[in-house]
Amino acid sequence: MKMIPSIKKKFTQYLLLITVLLFIVSKNNFLFAQEGSPLEGRWDITIHTPGKDFPSWLEVMHSGVKTLVGRYVGIGGSARPISKVNFVNNKMSFSIPPQWERNDNDVSFEATFQNDSLIGKGISSDGKNFKWTAHRAPKLHRDKEPVWGEPIQLFNGKDLTGWHALGENQWIVQDGIIRSPHSGANLVTDKTFNDFKLHIEFRYPKESNSGVYLRGRYEVQVEDSKGKEPEVGLLGAIYGFIAPSEMAAKDAGEWQSFDVTLTGRMVTVVMNGVTVICNREIPGITGGAIDSKEEEPGPLLIQGDHGPIDYRNIIITPAK
């Protein structure tokens, strides 16, 4: 059966149109995959609430061709996955389930992307409104190997000179030990540091928990973990991001040690003489960080709000 010329002509036009549309879609998908969305990358966030600002963090990436996904670190807790980040006409939004069981509502965010920054608002899991701003997180890449300065004793073994509590102080000094006998405030150094090597010794009772925040932003987890498989929330981890390669924990009640090297975002952790993290990149801040100003030096922070903990022999060697 021969096709009527007019029908044949229309059919040919339809095929041509479909071919052009498929080409455009394919080209756009290719360009997206090559160039990505301007929203992609890591963002240092400040949550603005009445009376106080809090640090937070966001990473956006593409999954497949056009779907944007991510992960988020809130005011407290660990990095959590975001199943979809919406981004249309420079407007972005996403939501995530609450991290704590006591809250039932999703946390929602929306913002406008402008001048390579994010300005927005959101609703917390307890239904409270907040505003937020974000700037791109710095890469913190180092072109040269560090030249190390002289070691500094951060704890003199006698008192808390050089330290201050972030709240009502429960820390005491006893027999050459900095001791938090019960949950209370975190303790930070008066001085701030950029790149450094750190030696620190710690001891916890059974099932207790603490942490050492590098620059006050990246937590090396301290938790009773003997006999457990390595995880991002257990001893020696960069909390929420990097699990130790093996669990080199000792029994609760024994003195243990970290030797940590931090240059830019790159971290090495030696736990009780065993290298458990070797020159890995820390993506972003830990929940509970002092701020989200990753481009700035920061203090050493030791966590005292999760149970009894002892520290001693705290020595830092800054890079020149």
Foldseek 3Di string as FASTA:
>chain_A
DDDDVVVVVVVVVVVVVVVVVVVVVVVVLVCCQVPNDLPAAKKWKWWDDVPDIATWIKGWDADDRPFIWIWIADLADAIDTWPGWDADPQKIKGWDADPDPVFGAIKIWIFGQDPQKTWTKIADSVGDIITMIIHGDDQLDDPDDFAWDDKDFCQPLPANVQKDWPADDQWGRDRSKTKRQWADTKMWGPDFAAWKKKKKKKAAAAQFWKWKFALLFWTQTDGQAPPHAWDLRYHRHRHNAGTFQGDPDDGHPDMKMWIWGDRRQFIWIQTRNRTRHHRDGDRAGHNNGPGRNSVDTGIIMMHRRGTIMMMHRIMMIGTD
